[in-house]
Protein backbone atom coordinates (compact mmCIF):
# COMPACT_ATOMS: atom_id res chain seq x y z
CA MET A 1 4.11 -10.90 18.39
CA ALA A 2 7.73 -11.59 17.41
CA LEU A 3 7.29 -9.73 14.13
CA THR A 4 5.84 -6.71 15.94
CA GLY A 5 8.74 -6.71 18.40
CA TRP A 6 11.30 -7.00 15.60
CA THR A 7 9.64 -4.14 13.68
CA ARG A 8 9.56 -1.87 16.71
CA ALA A 9 13.16 -2.64 17.64
CA ARG A 10 14.29 -1.90 14.10
CA SER A 11 12.39 1.40 14.06
CA THR A 12 13.79 2.42 17.45
CA LEU A 13 17.33 1.57 16.39
CA ALA A 14 16.94 3.68 13.24
CA GLU A 15 15.79 6.63 15.36
CA LEU A 16 18.73 6.19 17.75
CA THR A 17 21.12 6.12 14.81
CA ASP A 18 19.64 9.35 13.44
CA LEU A 19 19.90 11.07 16.84
CA THR A 20 23.52 9.95 17.25
CA GLU A 21 24.40 11.28 13.81
CA VAL A 22 22.76 14.64 14.56
CA ALA A 23 24.59 14.91 17.89
CA LEU A 24 27.92 14.30 16.15
CA ASP A 25 27.06 16.80 13.41
CA LEU A 26 26.31 19.44 16.05
CA HIS A 27 29.11 18.67 18.51
CA GLY A 28 31.74 16.82 16.47
CA ARG A 29 34.17 19.72 16.44
CA THR A 30 33.96 20.03 20.25
CA LEU A 31 34.55 16.28 20.59
CA ALA A 32 37.54 16.38 18.25
CA THR A 33 39.05 19.29 20.18
CA SER A 34 38.45 17.58 23.53
CA LEU A 35 40.12 14.39 22.32
CA GLY A 36 43.06 16.34 20.89
CA THR A 37 42.48 15.29 17.28
CA SER A 38 41.74 18.83 16.18
CA PRO A 39 43.35 22.16 17.15
CA PRO A 40 41.11 24.48 19.21
CA GLU A 41 41.11 27.19 16.52
CA SER A 42 39.74 24.89 13.78
CA ALA A 43 36.17 25.34 12.56
CA GLY A 44 33.68 23.80 10.18
CA PRO A 45 32.73 20.19 9.60
CA LEU A 46 35.05 17.39 10.58
CA THR A 47 37.42 16.08 7.95
CA PRO A 48 37.53 12.36 7.16
CA ASP A 49 40.94 12.13 8.87
CA GLU A 50 39.56 13.71 12.05
CA GLY A 51 36.62 11.31 11.96
CA ARG A 52 38.95 8.32 11.66
CA ALA A 53 41.07 9.63 14.55
CA ILE A 54 37.97 9.95 16.76
CA THR A 55 36.92 6.43 15.82
CA ARG A 56 40.37 5.02 16.66
CA GLN A 57 40.32 6.70 20.08
CA THR A 58 36.77 5.78 21.04
CA ARG A 59 36.49 2.25 19.64
CA LYS A 60 36.00 -0.40 22.32
CA GLY A 61 38.14 -3.50 22.33
CA ARG A 62 41.16 -1.93 20.72
């Protein structure tokens, strides 16, 4: 029973990770603009610097 629970939890966590990544891919630019790490007129995928800025601002336990 423990093995089944561990397997299901691992599968569910992998799905959650995929959904989170997709949400950021779709709405990352909006998030960066809302947090002020990206100018409103910018477009396209986030740059690594913008991603690091978002992480710095949203990380818990700073």
